[in-house]
Protein backbone atom coordinates (compact mmCIF):
# COMPACT_ATOMS: atom_id res chain seq x y z
CA UNK A 1 36.62 28.74 -2.49
CA UNK A 2 37.58 26.32 -5.53
CA UNK A 3 35.22 26.30 -8.55
CA UNK A 4 33.24 22.95 -8.16
CA UNK A 5 33.61 21.28 -11.62
CA UNK A 6 31.26 18.07 -12.34
CA UNK A 7 31.87 14.55 -14.14
CA UNK A 8 28.48 14.10 -15.86
CA UNK A 9 27.64 10.37 -16.87
CA UNK A 10 24.63 8.58 -18.73
CA UNK A 11 22.41 6.00 -16.12
CA UNK A 12 20.24 3.27 -17.54
CA UNK A 13 17.22 2.40 -16.02
CA UNK A 14 13.72 0.04 -16.92
CA UNK A 15 10.90 1.79 -18.31
CA UNK A 16 7.26 -0.36 -17.12
CA UNK A 17 7.09 -1.28 -20.62
CA UNK A 18 10.40 -3.09 -19.91
CA UNK A 19 12.23 -1.02 -22.35
CA UNK A 20 15.83 0.68 -21.24
CA UNK A 21 15.69 4.35 -21.00
CA UNK A 22 19.06 6.12 -20.38
CA UNK A 23 19.09 9.39 -18.03
CA UNK A 24 22.05 11.20 -16.43
CA UNK A 25 24.08 12.05 -13.03
CA UNK A 26 27.00 14.27 -11.87
CA UNK A 27 28.96 14.48 -9.23
CA UNK A 28 30.30 17.18 -7.87
CA UNK A 29 34.66 17.10 -7.42
CA UNK A 30 35.45 16.63 -3.84
CA UNK A 31 36.70 19.50 -2.00
CA UNK A 32 40.40 19.14 -0.28
CA UNK A 33 40.89 18.46 3.46
CA UNK A 34 41.04 22.38 4.07
CA UNK A 35 38.07 23.85 2.10
CA UNK A 36 35.67 20.95 3.46
CA UNK A 37 36.47 22.71 6.98
CA UNK A 38 35.68 25.86 5.63
CA UNK A 39 32.56 24.79 3.77
CA UNK A 40 31.06 22.54 6.78
CA UNK A 41 31.81 25.90 8.96
CA UNK A 42 30.45 27.96 6.23
CA UNK A 43 26.92 25.67 5.93
CA UNK A 44 26.53 25.66 10.31
CA UNK A 45 27.06 29.28 10.05
CA UNK A 46 24.46 30.08 7.24
CA UNK A 47 21.89 27.47 8.79
CA UNK A 48 21.72 29.71 11.66
CA UNK A 49 21.90 32.81 9.82
CA UNK A 50 18.61 31.92 8.13
CA UNK A 51 16.84 30.29 10.97
CA UNK A 52 17.14 26.81 8.47
CA UNK A 53 17.11 22.99 9.53
CA UNK A 54 19.30 20.37 7.52
CA UNK A 55 17.36 16.74 6.66
CA UNK A 56 19.66 14.69 5.02
CA UNK A 57 19.02 10.70 4.05
CA UNK A 58 20.38 7.98 4.72
CA UNK A 59 22.09 7.63 1.76
CA UNK A 60 23.81 10.86 1.04
CA UNK A 61 27.13 11.27 1.78
CA UNK A 62 28.51 11.10 5.57
CA UNK A 63 29.55 15.00 5.62
CA UNK A 64 26.04 15.89 4.77
CA UNK A 65 24.50 13.35 7.31
CA UNK A 66 26.66 14.33 10.18
CA UNK A 67 26.18 17.86 9.59
CA UNK A 68 22.33 17.33 9.65
CA UNK A 69 23.04 16.08 13.15
CA UNK A 70 24.86 18.69 14.23
CA UNK A 71 22.82 21.19 13.49
CA UNK A 72 19.86 20.01 15.10
CA UNK A 73 18.26 18.56 11.50
CA UNK A 74 17.33 15.13 10.90
CA UNK A 75 18.77 11.90 9.64
CA UNK A 76 16.55 9.86 8.14
CA UNK A 77 14.10 8.27 5.49
CA UNK A 78 12.45 10.51 3.26
CA UNK A 79 9.15 10.36 4.83
CA UNK A 80 10.35 11.04 8.58
CA UNK A 81 12.57 13.88 6.52
CA UNK A 82 9.23 15.08 5.37
CA UNK A 83 7.64 14.76 8.35
CA UNK A 84 10.28 16.60 10.81
CA UNK A 85 10.65 19.38 8.47
CA UNK A 86 6.51 20.06 9.26
CA UNK A 87 7.43 19.59 12.56
CA UNK A 88 10.18 21.77 12.95
CA UNK A 89 9.82 25.52 14.02
CA UNK A 90 12.05 26.61 10.98
CA UNK A 91 10.16 28.04 7.91
CA UNK A 92 13.24 27.53 5.29
CA UNK A 93 13.89 23.53 4.95
CA UNK A 94 16.83 22.07 3.20
CA UNK A 95 16.62 18.25 2.36
CA UNK A 96 19.69 16.75 1.19
CA UNK A 97 18.33 13.76 -1.18
CA UNK A 98 16.34 13.17 -4.62
CA UNK A 99 14.07 15.29 -6.12
CA UNK A 100 10.34 13.06 -5.15
CA UNK A 101 11.68 14.00 -1.27
CA UNK A 102 11.44 17.74 -1.43
CA UNK A 103 8.22 17.47 -3.06
CA UNK A 104 7.32 15.51 -0.08
CA UNK A 105 8.63 17.80 2.42
CA UNK A 106 6.82 21.09 -0.05
CA UNK A 107 3.29 19.17 0.24
CA UNK A 108 3.62 17.95 3.92
CA UNK A 109 4.56 22.23 4.55
CA UNK A 110 3.46 23.93 1.39
CA UNK A 111 3.93 27.60 3.64
CA UNK A 112 7.67 26.66 4.38
CA UNK A 113 10.59 27.16 2.08
CA UNK A 114 11.84 23.79 0.25
CA UNK A 115 15.89 23.77 -0.94
CA UNK A 116 17.82 21.41 -2.23
CA UNK A 117 21.51 20.82 -3.35
CA UNK A 118 20.48 19.54 -6.95
CA UNK A 119 16.99 19.95 -8.39
CA UNK A 120 18.70 17.24 -10.65
CA UNK A 121 18.84 14.71 -8.49
CA UNK A 122 16.17 12.58 -9.35
CA UNK A 123 15.68 8.93 -8.87
CA UNK A 124 14.42 5.87 -11.54
CA UNK A 125 11.17 4.38 -10.26
CA UNK A 126 10.27 8.41 -9.90
CA UNK A 127 11.57 8.88 -13.72
CA UNK A 128 10.50 5.22 -14.38
CA UNK A 129 6.56 6.34 -14.04
CA UNK A 130 5.35 9.14 -15.86
CA UNK A 131 2.71 11.14 -14.46
CA UNK A 132 0.67 11.25 -18.05
CA UNK A 133 1.63 7.98 -18.04
CA UNK A 134 0.72 6.70 -14.65
CA UNK A 135 -2.75 8.67 -15.27
CA UNK A 136 -3.67 6.30 -18.37
CA UNK A 137 -2.79 3.12 -17.07
CA UNK A 138 -4.61 4.40 -14.09
CA UNK A 139 -7.69 5.72 -15.87
CA UNK A 140 -8.08 1.64 -17.87
CA UNK A 141 -8.36 -0.09 -14.44
CA UNK A 142 -10.79 2.47 -12.32
CA UNK A 143 -12.02 -0.58 -10.86
CA UNK A 144 -9.03 -1.02 -8.71
CA UNK A 145 -7.62 1.38 -5.38
CA UNK A 146 -4.29 3.06 -6.35
CA UNK A 147 -1.35 2.55 -4.30
CA UNK A 148 1.96 4.84 -4.78
CA UNK A 149 5.12 4.15 -3.38
CA UNK A 150 6.11 7.32 -1.84
CA UNK A 151 9.42 7.45 -4.79
CA UNK A 152 6.60 9.11 -7.17
CA UNK A 153 6.14 12.32 -8.00
CA UNK A 154 4.01 15.14 -7.02
CA UNK A 155 1.80 14.39 -9.66
CA UNK A 156 1.62 10.63 -9.35
CA UNK A 157 0.82 10.93 -5.61
CA UNK A 158 -1.71 13.28 -6.75
CA UNK A 159 -4.22 10.33 -8.37
CA UNK A 160 -3.28 7.96 -6.02
CA UNK A 161 -5.74 6.92 -3.65
CA UNK A 162 -2.95 5.80 -0.68
CA UNK A 163 0.61 6.48 -0.71
CA UNK A 164 2.77 3.92 1.07
CA UNK A 165 6.45 2.84 2.69
CA UNK A 166 8.33 -0.21 2.25
CA UNK A 167 7.28 -0.29 6.41
CA UNK A 168 3.87 -0.01 5.98
CA UNK A 169 2.90 -0.81 2.50
CA UNK A 170 2.19 -4.77 3.76
CA UNK A 171 0.08 -3.70 6.36
CA UNK A 172 -1.99 -1.16 4.47
CA UNK A 173 -2.28 -3.69 1.51
CA UNK A 174 -3.47 -6.35 4.07
CA UNK A 175 -5.78 -4.17 5.34
CA UNK A 176 -7.08 -3.34 1.71
CA UNK A 177 -7.29 -6.90 0.76
CA UNK A 178 -9.56 -7.81 3.86
CA UNK A 179 -11.81 -5.45 2.90
CA UNK A 180 -12.17 -7.28 -0.57
CA UNK A 181 -10.44 -4.79 -2.93
CA UNK A 182 -8.35 -4.63 -5.93
CA UNK A 183 -4.83 -2.47 -6.23
CA UNK A 184 -3.61 -0.97 -8.53
CA UNK A 185 0.34 -0.56 -7.36
CA UNK A 186 2.87 1.27 -8.62
CA UNK A 187 5.81 1.43 -9.58
CA UNK A 188 8.41 -0.48 -7.78
CA UNK A 189 7.90 -4.34 -8.98
CA UNK A 190 10.15 -5.78 -6.45
CA UNK A 191 8.62 -4.24 -3.64
CA UNK A 192 5.06 -4.79 -5.05
CA UNK A 193 5.81 -8.93 -5.86
CA UNK A 194 6.91 -9.14 -2.20
CA UNK A 195 3.55 -7.17 -0.79
CA UNK A 196 1.36 -9.36 -3.21
CA UNK A 197 3.51 -12.90 -2.14
CA UNK A 198 3.24 -11.84 1.47
CA UNK A 199 -0.59 -11.03 1.38
CA UNK A 200 -2.76 -12.68 -1.72
CA UNK A 201 -4.05 -9.78 -2.74
CA UNK A 202 -5.03 -9.60 -6.14
CA UNK A 203 -2.61 -6.71 -7.24
CA UNK A 204 -1.82 -5.02 -10.40
CA UNK A 205 2.23 -3.86 -10.70
CA UNK A 206 3.33 -1.36 -12.56
CA UNK A 207 6.52 -2.46 -13.83
CA UNK A 208 9.71 -0.10 -12.77
CA UNK A 209 12.86 -0.69 -10.35
CA UNK A 210 15.63 1.37 -8.29
CA UNK A 211 19.13 1.30 -10.12
CA UNK A 212 20.61 0.26 -6.64
CA UNK A 213 18.20 -2.61 -5.35
CA UNK A 214 18.19 -3.99 -8.49
CA UNK A 215 21.20 -4.83 -9.04
CA UNK A 216 21.77 -7.10 -6.29
CA UNK A 217 22.49 -10.76 -6.88
CA UNK A 218 21.81 -13.72 -5.08
CA UNK A 219 24.31 -16.15 -6.85
CA UNK A 220 27.24 -14.06 -6.06
CA UNK A 221 25.35 -13.29 -2.58
CA UNK A 222 25.52 -16.98 -1.61
CA UNK A 223 28.91 -17.28 -2.30
CA UNK A 224 29.94 -14.22 0.13
CA UNK A 225 27.08 -15.75 2.66
CA UNK A 226 29.61 -18.99 2.27
CA UNK A 227 32.82 -16.52 3.35
CA UNK A 228 30.79 -15.13 6.34
CA UNK A 229 28.72 -18.19 7.50
CA UNK A 230 27.50 -16.01 10.95
CA UNK A 231 26.56 -12.88 8.95
CA UNK A 232 22.98 -12.15 8.83
CA UNK A 233 21.70 -10.85 5.51
CA UNK A 234 19.64 -7.47 5.63
CA UNK A 235 17.66 -6.61 2.68
CA UNK A 236 15.49 -3.88 1.66
CA UNK A 237 12.25 -5.15 0.25
CA UNK A 238 13.10 -3.16 -3.78
CA UNK A 239 15.60 -6.38 -4.22
CA UNK A 240 14.69 -9.04 -6.38
CA UNK A 241 13.19 -11.88 -5.30
CA UNK A 242 15.93 -14.23 -5.21
CA UNK A 243 17.73 -12.02 -3.02
CA UNK A 244 14.99 -11.17 -0.78
CA UNK A 245 14.62 -15.08 0.04
CA UNK A 246 18.05 -15.61 1.79
CA UNK A 247 17.41 -12.13 3.69
CA UNK A 248 17.35 -12.47 7.52
CA UNK A 249 15.58 -9.49 7.56
CA UNK A 250 13.75 -7.52 5.27
CA UNK A 251 12.89 -4.13 5.77
CA UNK A 252 13.14 -0.75 5.36
CA UNK A 253 16.05 1.51 5.48
CA UNK A 254 15.65 2.49 9.32
CA UNK A 255 14.00 -1.05 9.95
CA UNK A 256 17.00 -1.98 8.95
CA UNK A 257 19.54 -0.29 10.70
CA UNK A 258 17.25 -1.23 13.83
CA UNK A 259 18.30 -5.01 13.01
CA UNK A 260 21.95 -4.62 13.27
CA UNK A 261 21.34 -2.79 16.56
CA UNK A 262 19.02 -5.66 17.88
CA UNK A 263 19.96 -9.06 16.04
CA UNK A 264 23.05 -10.77 17.87
CA UNK A 265 25.53 -11.31 15.31
CA UNK A 266 28.33 -9.32 15.26
CA UNK A 267 28.89 -9.50 10.83
CA UNK A 268 25.81 -7.99 8.47
CA UNK A 269 25.54 -8.50 4.41
CA UNK A 270 23.26 -5.45 3.88
CA UNK A 271 21.55 -5.03 0.40
CA UNK A 272 20.43 -1.72 0.15
CA UNK A 273 22.47 1.35 -0.60
CA UNK A 274 25.90 1.66 0.99
CA UNK A 275 24.98 5.26 2.35
CA UNK A 276 23.37 3.64 4.82
CA UNK A 277 26.71 1.86 5.86
CA UNK A 278 27.72 5.48 7.80
CA UNK A 279 24.55 5.43 10.04
CA UNK A 280 25.21 1.62 10.62
CA UNK A 281 27.99 1.68 11.65
CA UNK A 282 27.74 4.44 14.26
CA UNK A 283 24.00 3.34 15.85
CA UNK A 284 26.06 -0.37 16.27
CA UNK A 285 29.82 0.49 16.53
CA UNK A 286 31.77 -2.79 16.76
CA UNK A 287 29.70 -4.73 14.49
CA UNK A 288 30.97 -5.19 10.92
CA UNK A 289 29.13 -4.47 8.03
CA UNK A 290 29.36 -5.92 4.48
CA UNK A 291 27.94 -4.50 1.18
CA UNK A 292 26.21 -7.37 -0.20
CA UNK A 293 27.20 -8.11 -3.90
CA UNK A 294 26.12 -6.12 -7.72
CA UNK A 295 27.48 -7.77 -9.96
CA UNK A 296 29.59 -10.86 -10.79
CA UNK A 297 30.21 -13.51 -13.73
CA UNK A 298 30.37 -10.98 -15.59
CA UNK A 299 27.18 -9.06 -14.66
CA UNK A 300 27.79 -5.31 -15.02
CA UNK A 301 27.73 -2.76 -12.06
CA UNK A 302 24.90 -0.22 -13.44
CA UNK A 303 25.05 1.21 -9.41
CA UNK A 304 27.92 -0.28 -7.62
CA UNK A 305 25.33 -0.18 -4.41
CA UNK A 306 25.37 3.54 -4.45
CA UNK A 307 22.71 5.74 -5.78
CA UNK A 308 24.13 8.11 -8.92
CA UNK A 309 21.32 10.92 -7.89
CA UNK A 310 21.86 10.72 -3.95
CA UNK A 311 25.85 11.13 -5.16
CA UNK A 312 24.96 14.92 -6.74
CA UNK A 313 24.60 16.11 -3.03
CA UNK A 314 27.55 17.65 -1.79
CA UNK A 315 29.11 20.47 0.48
CA UNK A 316 29.53 22.43 -2.43
CA UNK A 317 26.50 22.95 -3.85
CA UNK A 318 25.03 22.67 -0.33
CA UNK A 319 26.75 25.78 0.61
CA UNK A 320 25.43 27.45 -2.86
CA UNK A 321 21.85 26.91 -2.21
CA UNK A 322 22.21 28.18 1.19
CA UNK A 323 24.14 31.23 -0.26
CA UNK A 324 21.93 32.03 -2.58
CA UNK A 325 18.71 30.68 -2.41
CA UNK A 326 18.93 28.84 -5.39
CA UNK A 327 16.93 25.08 -6.51
CA UNK A 328 13.92 25.84 -4.30
CA UNK A 329 11.14 22.97 -4.73
CA UNK A 330 8.30 24.37 -6.19
CA UNK A 331 4.68 21.87 -6.41
CA UNK A 332 1.56 22.95 -7.78
CA UNK A 333 -0.34 24.07 -5.16
CA UNK A 334 -3.37 22.02 -6.62
CA UNK A 335 -1.34 19.61 -7.12
CA UNK A 336 -0.06 19.77 -3.90
CA UNK A 337 -3.49 19.55 -1.79
CA UNK A 338 -4.63 16.07 -4.02
CA UNK A 339 -1.23 14.73 -3.05
CA UNK A 340 -1.59 15.27 0.62
CA UNK A 341 -4.42 13.69 0.90
CA UNK A 342 -2.90 9.84 0.16
CA UNK A 343 -0.14 11.10 2.46
CA UNK A 344 -2.33 12.04 5.25
CA UNK A 345 -4.82 9.07 4.78
CA UNK A 346 -1.89 6.81 5.73
CA UNK A 347 -0.04 8.75 8.38
CA UNK A 348 -3.75 8.59 10.02
CA UNK A 349 -3.96 4.69 9.37
CA UNK A 350 -0.59 4.31 10.77
CA UNK A 351 -1.52 6.33 14.04
CA UNK A 352 -5.09 3.69 14.22
CA UNK A 353 -2.36 0.75 13.39
CA UNK A 354 -0.01 1.88 16.37
CA UNK A 355 2.24 2.05 14.02
CA UNK A 356 3.10 5.65 14.52
CA UNK A 357 2.50 8.87 16.81
CA UNK A 358 -0.03 11.55 15.95
CA UNK A 359 1.63 14.91 14.69
CA UNK A 360 1.03 16.64 18.05
CA UNK A 361 3.00 14.35 19.77
CA UNK A 362 5.73 14.02 17.22
CA UNK A 363 9.38 13.79 18.94
CA UNK A 364 11.80 15.46 16.45
CA UNK A 365 14.97 13.65 17.47
CA UNK A 366 13.53 9.95 16.31
CA UNK A 367 12.33 8.36 13.37
CA UNK A 368 10.24 5.74 13.81
CA UNK A 369 10.68 3.75 10.58
CA UNK A 370 7.70 5.11 8.72
CA UNK A 371 10.49 6.28 5.62
CA UNK A 372 10.12 4.62 2.18
CA UNK A 373 13.95 4.09 1.07
């Protein structure tokens, strides 16, 4: 096998205090056609030999998504990936995604071995909400119910009263608002603002954003709509308000895929990570999917609609992880025991609200729209 080489590059992201910080990402060199075939065969063999199951996020490379499907794994949003892994008999769960997704899988399945192709694949929302600073923020506002989005570290979840996903966050905040609760929300400011507008709840918002969704541009989207007047606009709620206002459907990744299947339209403009287009084309063949614009009028495209950290998952490092057992995810047991409470609270609410099945009737083959991204 050819030795993998990587290109490392800086990624800027906004902190909650509006300052700009810098992280980095790396993208493994793409294997050639012959090596690609060999790697896929090798990964299938190793998964079987190790009684391991592969789960991949919608935003990862199409090869990884196809491998998960072909080997009895799961392609979904991050929480559904973790729930699938918990329900599956395999004792090794291989998570193709970013770090908080591996941590969530470990929190829900502490007895299992959780592996990732690259442990340094992270998320700007996670980076933008350091646990110590978030704890101080919570301490300063003890009268508020702490609600955190799934795109956060285990330590941040451990401090929360509730964890939510983009598909159920609105319902949970409505529930809390009806009880007269004031809310401390973290970390995504756009999703928080969207929910605040929809519910009228008293929400104190942490000010972080996703490097992908924050880059969608309303003016350029309007120009694109002029070129495709019959296209429906599907938008993830981590996007800016000016983009959300132009949407025909605002929803999580699973909800966006479902809308593409069900809406009576042939063209769709999609404002979320372009990794989802692979699954959308499989789910709705014959329909046309157009990436929403992330640049224009002199703007700099920071992400070009694809998460730089999701791109760190590849065939080579996946094969290496399975071969060596490297990149295992560990969560401090005490933190995990604290963090699982806010996740279980959300899952229990989802069952009571009729938007999710109980764990004992969970169908591993199908996602239920519960995921965060």
